[in-house]
PDB file of N, CA and C in Angstrom:
ATOM      1  N   MET A   1      53.487  38.245  96.655  1.00  0.00           N
ATOM      2  CA  MET A   1      53.829  37.408  95.826  1.00  0.00           C
ATOM      3  C   MET A   1      53.235  36.017  95.319  1.00  0.00           C
ATOM      4  N   THR A   2      52.783  35.262  96.402  1.00  0.00           N
ATOM      5  CA  THR A   2      51.807  34.066  96.197  1.00  0.00           C
ATOM      6  C   THR A   2      50.546  34.655  95.826  1.00  0.00           C
ATOM      7  N   ASN A   3      50.020  35.565  96.236  1.00  0.00           N
ATOM      8  CA  ASN A   3      48.690  36.395  95.755  1.00  0.00           C
ATOM      9  C   ASN A   3      48.436  36.652  94.466  1.00  0.00           C
ATOM     10  N   LEU A   4      49.855  37.038  93.633  1.00  0.00           N
ATOM     11  CA  LEU A   4      49.795  37.066  92.402  1.00  0.00           C
ATOM     12  C   LEU A   4      49.947  35.968  91.838  1.00  0.00           C
ATOM     13  N   PHE A   5      50.653  35.005  91.763  1.00  0.00           N
ATOM     14  CA  PHE A   5      50.268  33.326  91.206  1.00  0.00           C
ATOM     15  C   PHE A   5      49.362  32.851  91.635  1.00  0.00           C
ATOM     16  N   ALA A   6      48.499  33.101  92.791  1.00  0.00           N
ATOM     17  CA  ALA A   6      46.990  32.093  92.668  1.00  0.00           C
ATOM     18  C   ALA A   6      46.140  33.287  91.764  1.00  0.00           C
ATOM     19  N   LYS A   7      46.311  34.165  91.568  1.00  0.00           N
ATOM     20  CA  LYS A   7      45.402  34.961  90.879  1.00  0.00           C
ATOM     21  C   LYS A   7      45.627  34.343  89.216  1.00  0.00           C
ATOM     22  N   ALA A   8      47.152  34.426  89.219  1.00  0.00           N
ATOM     23  CA  ALA A   8      47.217  34.262  87.712  1.00  0.00           C
ATOM     24  C   ALA A   8      47.012  32.452  87.191  1.00  0.00           C
ATOM     25  N   GLY A   9      46.828  31.653  88.404  1.00  0.00           N
ATOM     26  CA  GLY A   9      46.349  30.144  88.052  1.00  0.00           C
ATOM     27  C   GLY A   9      44.983  30.488  88.463  1.00  0.00           C
ATOM     28  N   ILE A  10      44.277  30.955  88.901  1.00  0.00           N
ATOM     29  CA  ILE A  10      42.740  31.029  88.742  1.00  0.00           C
ATOM     30  C   ILE A  10      42.186  31.313  87.452  1.00  0.00           C
ATOM     31  N   ALA A  11      42.950  32.556  86.854  1.00  0.00           N
ATOM     32  CA  ALA A  11      42.630  32.905  85.564  1.00  0.00           C
ATOM     33  C   ALA A  11      43.381  32.293  84.189  1.00  0.00           C
ATOM     34  N   ALA A  12      44.162  31.215  84.828  1.00  0.00           N
ATOM     35  CA  ALA A  12      44.229  30.560  83.505  1.00  0.00           C
ATOM     36  C   ALA A  12      43.294  29.268  83.490  1.00  0.00           C
ATOM     37  N   LEU A  13      42.675  28.555  84.693  1.00  0.00           N
ATOM     38  CA  LEU A  13      41.992  28.147  84.958  1.00  0.00           C
ATOM     39  C   LEU A  13      40.411  28.476  84.348  1.00  0.00           C
ATOM     40  N   MET A  14      40.198  29.670  84.420  1.00  0.00           N
ATOM     41  CA  MET A  14      39.235  30.401  83.499  1.00  0.00           C
ATOM     42  C   MET A  14      38.877  29.915  81.924  1.00  0.00           C
ATOM     43  N   ALA A  15      40.265  30.621  81.766  1.00  0.00           N
ATOM     44  CA  ALA A  15      40.819  30.392  80.372  1.00  0.00           C
ATOM     45  C   ALA A  15      40.459  29.608  79.892  1.00  0.00           C
ATOM     46  N   PHE A  16      41.221  28.279  80.116  1.00  0.00           N
ATOM     47  CA  PHE A  16      40.941  26.764  79.913  1.00  0.00           C
ATOM     48  C   PHE A  16      39.679  26.281  79.945  1.00  0.00           C
ATOM     49  N   GLY A  17      38.943  26.739  80.842  1.00  0.00           N
ATOM     50  CA  GLY A  17      37.506  26.002  81.123  1.00  0.00           C
ATOM     51  C   GLY A  17      36.544  26.818  79.753  1.00  0.00           C
ATOM     52  N   ALA A  18      36.812  28.128  79.670  1.00  0.00           N
ATOM     53  CA  ALA A  18      36.233  28.491  78.537  1.00  0.00           C
ATOM     54  C   ALA A  18      36.400  28.149  77.021  1.00  0.00           C
ATOM     55  N   MET A  19      37.648  27.948  77.156  1.00  0.00           N
ATOM     56  CA  MET A  19      38.214  27.519  75.552  1.00  0.00           C
ATOM     57  C   MET A  19      37.906  26.065  75.674  1.00  0.00           C
ATOM     58  N   SER A  20      37.604  25.181  76.443  1.00  0.00           N
ATOM     59  CA  SER A  20      37.311  23.956  75.987  1.00  0.00           C
ATOM     60  C   SER A  20      35.444  23.832  76.052  1.00  0.00           C
ATOM     61  N   ALA A  21      34.637  24.533  76.633  1.00  0.00           N
ATOM     62  CA  ALA A  21      33.338  25.043  76.661  1.00  0.00           C
ATOM     63  C   ALA A  21      32.985  25.333  74.899  1.00  0.00           C
ATOM     64  N   ALA A  22      34.252  26.346  74.788  1.00  0.00           N
ATOM     65  CA  ALA A  22      33.735  26.899  73.677  1.00  0.00           C
ATOM     66  C   ALA A  22      33.901  25.647  72.202  1.00  0.00           C
ATOM     67  N   THR A  23      34.884  24.813  72.220  1.00  0.00           N
ATOM     68  CA  THR A  23      34.638  23.853  71.572  1.00  0.00           C
ATOM     69  C   THR A  23      33.800  22.670  71.338  1.00  0.00           C
ATOM     70  N   THR A  24      33.012  22.391  72.828  1.00  0.00           N
ATOM     71  CA  THR A  24      32.108  21.647  72.854  1.00  0.00           C
ATOM     72  C   THR A  24      30.987  22.091  71.858  1.00  0.00           C
ATOM     73  N   THR A  25      30.909  23.371  72.331  1.00  0.00           N
ATOM     74  CA  THR A  25      29.675  24.123  71.211  1.00  0.00           C
ATOM     75  C   THR A  25      29.800  24.375  69.665  1.00  0.00           C
ATOM     76  N   ALA A  26      31.147  24.705  69.605  1.00  0.00           N
ATOM     77  CA  ALA A  26      31.545  24.246  68.130  1.00  0.00           C
ATOM     78  C   ALA A  26      31.369  22.881  67.250  1.00  0.00           C
ATOM     79  N   SER A  27      31.965  22.137  67.965  1.00  0.00           N
ATOM     80  CA  SER A  27      31.544  20.992  67.347  1.00  0.00           C
ATOM     81  C   SER A  27      30.043  20.228  67.344  1.00  0.00           C
ATOM     82  N   ALA A  28      29.278  20.846  68.171  1.00  0.00           N
ATOM     83  CA  ALA A  28      27.927  20.348  68.381  1.00  0.00           C
ATOM     84  C   ALA A  28      27.196  19.759  67.375  1.00  0.00           C
ATOM     85  N   ASN A  29      27.578  21.018  65.624  1.00  0.00           N
ATOM     86  CA  ASN A  29      26.531  20.853  64.763  1.00  0.00           C
ATOM     87  C   ASN A  29      27.534  19.913  63.884  1.00  0.00           C
ATOM     88  N   ASP A  30      27.313  18.558  64.304  1.00  0.00           N
ATOM     89  CA  ASP A  30      28.160  17.294  63.206  1.00  0.00           C
ATOM     90  C   ASP A  30      27.450  17.518  61.769  1.00  0.00           C
ATOM     91  N   PHE A  31      27.948  17.300  60.985  1.00  0.00           N
ATOM     92  CA  PHE A  31      27.437  16.936  59.686  1.00  0.00           C
ATOM     93  C   PHE A  31      26.958  15.832  59.379  1.00  0.00           C
ATOM     94  N   HIS A  32      25.668  15.374  59.344  1.00  0.00           N
ATOM     95  CA  HIS A  32      25.232  13.905  59.553  1.00  0.00           C
ATOM     96  C   HIS A  32      24.386  13.880  57.796  1.00  0.00           C
ATOM     97  N   PRO A  33      25.067  13.026  57.026  1.00  0.00           N
ATOM     98  CA  PRO A  33      24.306  13.154  55.925  1.00  0.00           C
ATOM     99  C   PRO A  33      23.063  12.303  55.423  1.00  0.00           C
ATOM    100  N   GLY A  34      22.858  11.675  56.170  1.00  0.00           N
ATOM    101  CA  GLY A  34      21.431  11.006  56.286  1.00  0.00           C
ATOM    102  C   GLY A  34      20.701  11.228  57.258  1.00  0.00           C
ATOM    103  N   ILE A  35      21.059  12.361  57.828  1.00  0.00           N
ATOM    104  CA  ILE A  35      19.914  13.058  58.852  1.00  0.00           C
ATOM    105  C   ILE A  35      19.573  14.211  57.842  1.00  0.00           C
ATOM    106  N   GLN A  36      20.453  15.056  57.841  1.00  0.00           N
ATOM    107  CA  GLN A  36      19.914  16.659  57.160  1.00  0.00           C
ATOM    108  C   GLN A  36      19.964  16.362  55.500  1.00  0.00           C
ATOM    109  N   GLN A  37      18.930  17.007  55.268  1.00  0.00           N
ATOM    110  CA  GLN A  37      18.494  17.177  53.819  1.00  0.00           C
ATOM    111  C   GLN A  37      18.599  18.223  53.393  1.00  0.00           C
ATOM    112  N   ALA A  38      19.180  18.870  52.386  1.00  0.00           N
ATOM    113  CA  ALA A  38      18.901  19.982  51.794  1.00  0.00           C
ATOM    114  C   ALA A  38      17.604  19.963  50.714  1.00  0.00           C
ATOM    115  N   ARG A  39      16.504  21.031  50.991  1.00  0.00           N
ATOM    116  CA  ARG A  39      14.971  21.061  50.575  1.00  0.00           C
ATOM    117  C   ARG A  39      14.879  22.576  50.026  1.00  0.00           C
ATOM    118  N   TYR A  40      14.606  22.824  48.724  1.00  0.00           N
ATOM    119  CA  TYR A  40      14.166  24.021  48.302  1.00  0.00           C
ATOM    120  C   TYR A  40      13.118  23.715  47.102  1.00  0.00           C
ATOM    121  N   ASP A  41      12.216  24.453  47.740  1.00  0.00           N
ATOM    122  CA  ASP A  41      11.027  24.831  46.672  1.00  0.00           C
ATOM    123  C   ASP A  41      11.163  26.085  46.250  1.00  0.00           C
ATOM    124  N   HIS A  42      10.634  26.232  44.922  1.00  0.00           N
ATOM    125  CA  HIS A  42      10.740  27.389  44.332  1.00  0.00           C
ATOM    126  C   HIS A  42       9.434  28.241  45.067  1.00  0.00           C
ATOM    127  N   PRO A  43       9.532  29.462  45.128  1.00  0.00           N
ATOM    128  CA  PRO A  43       8.585  30.225  45.363  1.00  0.00           C
ATOM    129  C   PRO A  43       7.093  30.127  44.740  1.00  0.00           C
ATOM    130  N   ARG A  44       7.676  30.057  43.133  1.00  0.00           N
ATOM    131  CA  ARG A  44       6.499  29.796  42.088  1.00  0.00           C
ATOM    132  C   ARG A  44       5.304  28.308  42.572  1.00  0.00           C
ATOM    133  N   GLY A  45       6.422  27.802  43.406  1.00  0.00           N
ATOM    134  CA  GLY A  45       5.423  26.479  43.460  1.00  0.00           C
ATOM    135  C   GLY A  45       4.326  26.504  44.450  1.00  0.00           C
ATOM    136  N   ARG A  46       4.714  27.445  44.892  1.00  0.00           N
ATOM    137  CA  ARG A  46       3.437  27.990  46.685  1.00  0.00           C
ATOM    138  C   ARG A  46       2.338  29.037  45.734  1.00  0.00           C
ATOM    139  N   MET A  47       2.008  29.257  44.629  1.00  0.00           N
ATOM    140  CA  MET A  47       1.068  29.871  44.198  1.00  0.00           C
ATOM    141  C   MET A  47       0.288  29.807  43.419  1.00  0.00           C
ATOM    142  N   CYS A  48      -0.719  30.420  42.993  1.00  0.00           N
ATOM    143  CA  CYS A  48      -1.916  30.341  42.311  1.00  0.00           C
ATOM    144  C   CYS A  48      -1.314  30.555  40.358  1.00  0.00           C
ATOM    145  N   SER A  49      -1.439  29.538  40.319  1.00  0.00           N
ATOM    146  CA  SER A  49      -0.896  29.681  38.464  1.00  0.00           C
ATOM    147  C   SER A  49      -2.090  30.596  37.895  1.00  0.00           C
ATOM    148  N   PRO A  50      -1.710  31.669  36.907  1.00  0.00           N
ATOM    149  CA  PRO A  50      -2.713  32.212  36.436  1.00  0.00           C
ATOM    150  C   PRO A  50      -3.686  31.191  35.172  1.00  0.00           C
ATOM    151  N   ARG A  51      -3.023  30.488  34.607  1.00  0.00           N
ATOM    152  CA  ARG A  51      -3.810  29.351  33.603  1.00  0.00           C
ATOM    153  C   ARG A  51      -4.576  28.906  34.683  1.00  0.00           C
ATOM    154  N   LEU A  52      -4.619  28.219  35.660  1.00  0.00           N
ATOM    155  CA  LEU A  52      -5.320  27.614  36.957  1.00  0.00           C
ATOM    156  C   LEU A  52      -6.540  28.783  37.214  1.00  0.00           C
ATOM    157  N   ALA A  53      -6.295  29.709  37.672  1.00  0.00           N
ATOM    158  CA  ALA A  53      -7.260  30.867  37.986  1.00  0.00           C
ATOM    159  C   ALA A  53      -8.031  31.198  36.651  1.00  0.00           C
ATOM    160  N   VAL A  54      -7.415  30.891  35.349  1.00  0.00           N
ATOM    161  CA  VAL A  54      -8.543  31.123  34.625  1.00  0.00           C
ATOM    162  C   VAL A  54      -9.315  29.904  34.198  1.00  0.00           C
ATOM    163  N   GLU A  55      -8.791  28.830  34.372  1.00  0.00           N
ATOM    164  CA  GLU A  55      -9.790  27.742  34.290  1.00  0.00           C
ATOM    165  C   GLU A  55     -10.864  27.645  34.965  1.00  0.00           C
ATOM    166  N   LYS A  56     -10.254  27.940  36.685  1.00  0.00           N
ATOM    167  CA  LYS A  56     -11.715  27.734  37.428  1.00  0.00           C
ATOM    168  C   LYS A  56     -12.628  28.944  37.278  1.00  0.00           C
ATOM    169  N   ALA A  57     -11.962  30.025  36.764  1.00  0.00           N
ATOM    170  CA  ALA A  57     -12.980  30.732  36.361  1.00  0.00           C
ATOM    171  C   ALA A  57     -14.112  30.640  35.285  1.00  0.00           C
ATOM    172  N   ARG A  58     -13.674  30.024  34.189  1.00  0.00           N
ATOM    173  CA  ARG A  58     -14.338  29.248  33.027  1.00  0.00           C
ATOM    174  C   ARG A  58     -15.415  28.092  33.778  1.00  0.00           C
ATOM    175  N   ASP A  59     -14.633  27.297  35.011  1.00  0.00           N
ATOM    176  CA  ASP A  59     -15.932  26.413  35.038  1.00  0.00           C
ATOM    177  C   ASP A  59     -16.767  27.017  36.173  1.00  0.00           C
ATOM    178  N   MET A  60     -16.511  28.505  36.431  1.00  0.00           N
ATOM    179  CA  MET A  60     -17.554  28.922  37.605  1.00  0.00           C
ATOM    180  C   MET A  60     -18.614  29.468  36.624  1.00  0.00           C
ATOM    181  N   GLY A  61     -18.362  29.666  35.122  1.00  0.00           N
ATOM    182  CA  GLY A  61     -19.105  30.414  34.297  1.00  0.00           C
ATOM    183  C   GLY A  61     -18.594  31.636  33.619  1.00  0.00           C
ATOM    184  N   LEU A  62     -17.987  31.783  33.715  1.00  0.00           N
ATOM    185  CA  LEU A  62     -17.078  32.926  33.112  1.00  0.00           C
ATOM    186  C   LEU A  62     -16.640  32.522  31.920  1.00  0.00           C
ATOM    187  N   ARG A  63     -17.224  33.338  30.748  1.00  0.00           N
ATOM    188  CA  ARG A  63     -17.029  33.105  29.167  1.00  0.00           C
ATOM    189  C   ARG A  63     -15.840  34.306  28.967  1.00  0.00           C
ATOM    190  N   ARG A  64     -14.965  34.316  27.838  1.00  0.00           N
ATOM    191  CA  ARG A  64     -14.229  34.955  27.511  1.00  0.00           C
ATOM    192  C   ARG A  64     -13.270  35.126  28.962  1.00  0.00           C
ATOM    193  N   ALA A  65     -12.822  34.399  29.671  1.00  0.00           N
ATOM    194  CA  ALA A  65     -12.219  34.861  30.805  1.00  0.00           C
ATOM    195  C   ALA A  65     -10.598  34.978  30.494  1.00  0.00           C
ATOM    196  N   ARG A  66      -9.761  36.348  31.322  1.00  0.00           N
ATOM    197  CA  ARG A  66      -8.945  36.730  31.153  1.00  0.00           C
ATOM    198  C   ARG A  66      -8.190  37.093  32.130  1.00  0.00           C
ATOM    199  N   ILE A  67      -7.047  37.454  32.228  1.00  0.00           N
ATOM    200  CA  ILE A  67      -6.194  37.774  33.538  1.00  0.00           C
ATOM    201  C   ILE A  67      -6.231  39.554  33.771  1.00  0.00           C
ATOM    202  N   ASP A  68      -7.056  39.986  34.787  1.00  0.00           N
ATOM    203  CA  ASP A  68      -7.005  41.398  34.571  1.00  0.00           C
ATOM    204  C   ASP A  68      -5.761  41.851  35.427  1.00  0.00           C
ATOM    205  N   ASN A  69      -5.359  41.153  36.600  1.00  0.00           N
ATOM    206  CA  ASN A  69      -4.459  42.048  37.422  1.00  0.00           C
ATOM    207  C   ASN A  69      -3.899  40.739  38.262  1.00  0.00           C
ATOM    208  N   ILE A  70      -2.642  40.837  38.680  1.00  0.00           N
ATOM    209  CA  ILE A  70      -1.561  39.514  39.490  1.00  0.00           C
ATOM    210  C   ILE A  70      -0.973  40.719  40.470  1.00  0.00           C
ATOM    211  N   THR A  71      -1.294  40.614  41.864  1.00  0.00           N
ATOM    212  CA  THR A  71      -0.326  40.801  42.740  1.00  0.00           C
ATOM    213  C   THR A  71       0.208  39.539  43.643  1.00  0.00           C
ATOM    214  N   PRO A  72       1.249  40.046  44.470  1.00  0.00           N
ATOM    215  CA  PRO A  72       1.484  39.131  45.458  1.00  0.00           C
ATOM    216  C   PRO A  72       0.363  38.442  46.329  1.00  0.00           C
ATOM    217  N   ARG A  73      -0.782  39.195  46.577  1.00  0.00           N
ATOM    218  CA  ARG A  73      -1.831  38.169  47.286  1.00  0.00           C
ATOM    219  C   ARG A  73      -3.091  37.835  46.360  1.00  0.00           C
ATOM    220  N   ARG A  74      -3.177  38.250  44.974  1.00  0.00           N
ATOM    221  CA  ARG A  74      -4.401  38.066  44.745  1.00  0.00           C
ATOM    222  C   ARG A  74      -4.176  37.906  43.350  1.00  0.00           C
ATOM    223  N   ILE A  75      -5.176  37.179  42.106  1.00  0.00           N
ATOM    224  CA  ILE A  75      -5.314  37.316  40.703  1.00  0.00           C
ATOM    225  C   ILE A  75      -6.299  37.714  40.284  1.00  0.00           C
ATOM    226  N   VAL A  76      -6.984  38.547  39.862  1.00  0.00           N
ATOM    227  CA  VAL A  76      -8.072  38.747  39.591  1.00  0.00           C
ATOM    228  C   VAL A  76      -8.268  38.577  37.787  1.00  0.00           C
ATOM    229  N   VAL A  77      -9.465  37.819  37.758  1.00  0.00           N
ATOM    230  CA  VAL A  77      -9.833  37.537  36.056  1.00  0.00           C
ATOM    231  C   VAL A  77     -11.182  38.040  35.568  1.00  0.00           C
ATOM    232  N   GLU A  78     -10.795  38.744  34.690  1.00  0.00           N
ATOM    233  CA  GLU A  78     -12.286  39.253  34.091  1.00  0.00           C
ATOM    234  C   GLU A  78     -12.701  38.659  32.899  1.00  0.00           C
ATOM    235  N   GLY A  79     -14.189  38.722  32.785  1.00  0.00           N
ATOM    236  CA  GLY A  79     -14.909  38.007  31.662  1.00  0.00           C
ATOM    237  C   GLY A  79     -16.332  38.147  31.622  1.00  0.00           C
ATOM    238  N   PHE A  80     -17.341  37.576  31.057  1.00  0.00           N
ATOM    239  CA  PHE A  80     -18.983  37.865  31.141  1.00  0.00           C
ATOM    240  C   PHE A  80     -19.206  36.684  31.570  1.00  0.00           C
ATOM    241  N   GLY A  81     -20.490  37.161  32.224  1.00  0.00           N
ATOM    242  CA  GLY A  81     -21.212  36.160  32.913  1.00  0.00           C
ATOM    243  C   GLY A  81     -22.819  36.195  32.277  1.00  0.00           C
ATOM    244  N   ARG A  82     -23.808  35.619  33.302  1.00  0.00           N
ATOM    245  CA  ARG A  82     -24.863  35.720  32.844  1.00  0.00           C
ATOM    246  C   ARG A  82     -25.538  37.246  32.415  1.00  0.00           C
ATOM    247  N   ARG A  83     -25.449  38.264  33.669  1.00  0.00           N
ATOM    248  CA  ARG A  83     -25.700  39.485  33.021  1.00  0.00           C
ATOM    249  C   ARG A  83     -24.701  40.301  32.460  1.00  0.00           C
ATOM    250  N   GLY A  84     -23.591  39.873  31.893  1.00  0.00           N
ATOM    251  CA  GLY A  84     -22.511  40.934  31.160  1.00  0.00           C
ATOM    252  C   GLY A  84     -21.478  40.863  31.837  1.00  0.00           C
ATOM    253  N   PRO A  85     -20.618  41.891  31.956  1.00  0.00           N
ATOM    254  CA  PRO A  85     -19.120  41.976  32.603  1.00  0.00           C
ATOM    255  C   PRO A  85     -18.973  41.542  34.320  1.00  0.00           C
ATOM    256  N   ASP A  86     -18.059  40.691  34.507  1.00  0.00           N
ATOM    257  CA  ASP A  86     -17.988  39.996  35.789  1.00  0.00           C
ATOM    258  C   ASP A  86     -16.728  39.799  35.745  1.00  0.00           C
ATOM    259  N   ARG A  87     -16.423  39.647  37.163  1.00  0.00           N
ATOM    260  CA  ARG A  87     -15.181  39.441  38.301  1.00  0.00           C
ATOM    261  C   ARG A  87     -15.085  38.730  38.866  1.00  0.00           C
ATOM    262  N   VAL A  88     -13.945  37.759  39.075  1.00  0.00           N
ATOM    263  CA  VAL A  88     -13.618  36.974  40.078  1.00  0.00           C
ATOM    264  C   VAL A  88     -12.236  36.981  40.353  1.00  0.00           C
ATOM    265  N   VAL A  89     -12.440  37.182  42.086  1.00  0.00           N
ATOM    266  CA  VAL A  89     -10.511  37.319  42.547  1.00  0.00           C
ATOM    267  C   VAL A  89     -10.339  36.059  43.370  1.00  0.00           C
ATOM    268  N   PHE A  90      -9.272  35.329  43.380  1.00  0.00           N
ATOM    269  CA  PHE A  90      -8.651  34.503  43.709  1.00  0.00           C
ATOM    270  C   PHE A  90      -7.763  35.107  44.262  1.00  0.00           C
ATOM    271  N   ALA A  91      -7.241  34.346  45.868  1.00  0.00           N
ATOM    272  CA  ALA A  91      -5.850  34.265  46.256  1.00  0.00           C
ATOM    273  C   ALA A  91      -4.508  33.926  45.870  1.00  0.00           C
ATOM    274  N   ASN A  92      -3.989  34.255  45.917  1.00  0.00           N
ATOM    275  CA  ASN A  92      -2.307  33.599  45.043  1.00  0.00           C
ATOM    276  C   ASN A  92      -1.635  32.650  46.209  1.00  0.00           C
ATOM    277  N   ALA A  93      -2.463  31.490  46.248  1.00  0.00           N
ATOM    278  CA  ALA A  93      -2.478  30.594  46.930  1.00  0.00           C
ATOM    279  C   ALA A  93      -2.286  29.575  46.356  1.00  0.00           C
ATOM    280  N   PRO A  94      -1.724  28.174  46.882  1.00  0.00           N
ATOM    281  CA  PRO A  94      -1.925  27.058  46.315  1.00  0.00           C
ATOM    282  C   PRO A  94      -3.391  26.609  45.964  1.00  0.00           C
ATOM    283  N   GLY A  95      -3.940  26.034  44.920  1.00  0.00           N
ATOM    284  CA  GLY A  95      -5.434  25.687  44.894  1.00  0.00           C
ATOM    285  C   GLY A  95      -6.488  27.017  44.321  1.00  0.00           C
ATOM    286  N   CYS A  96      -5.777  27.956  44.516  1.00  0.00           N
ATOM    287  CA  CYS A  96      -6.359  29.211  44.063  1.00  0.00           C
ATOM    288  C   CYS A  96      -7.946  29.252  44.815  1.00  0.00           C
ATOM    289  N   PRO A  97      -7.880  29.278  45.772  1.00  0.00           N
ATOM    290  CA  PRO A  97      -8.955  29.570  46.642  1.00  0.00           C
ATOM    291  C   PRO A  97      -9.797  30.918  46.043  1.00  0.00           C
ATOM    292  N   LEU A  98     -10.824  31.075  46.189  1.00  0.00           N
ATOM    293  CA  LEU A  98     -11.828  32.121  46.197  1.00  0.00           C
ATOM    294  C   LEU A  98     -11.982  33.031  46.774  1.00  0.00           C
ATOM    295  N   ILE A  99     -11.683  34.199  46.941  1.00  0.00           N
ATOM    296  CA  ILE A  99     -11.872  35.521  47.568  1.00  0.00           C
ATOM    297  C   ILE A  99     -12.990  35.921  47.452  1.00  0.00           C
ATOM    298  N   ARG A 100     -13.397  36.541  46.108  1.00  0.00           N
ATOM    299  CA  ARG A 100     -15.024  37.188  45.967  1.00  0.00           C
ATOM    300  C   ARG A 100     -14.967  36.834  44.290  1.00  0.00           C
ATOM    301  N   ARG A 101     -16.432  36.730  44.045  1.00  0.00           N
ATOM    302  CA  ARG A 101     -17.143  36.896  42.846  1.00  0.00           C
ATOM    303  C   ARG A 101     -17.926  38.297  42.603  1.00  0.00           C
TER     304      ARG A 101
END
């Protein structure tokens, strides 16, 4: 009989210890309004603007520049260069970096 009470006591101690450990981890993520700030960046803010791509193509000497194709990774601008029809490909990233001319 004492063996049964000993096992029940050990089980109660283990349950109490697990319960106290669970409450400490649950309260570890306290809310501090001065420290945590929500930040939302719109995905379009991190892309190349088609208007900027056309302006950069015109600055590179492309006349009658227009958007030919836009994908999630690149923007293709077509127009006319010195030797006739030409194409410029920009990465769809901030600042419109040039991929190929």
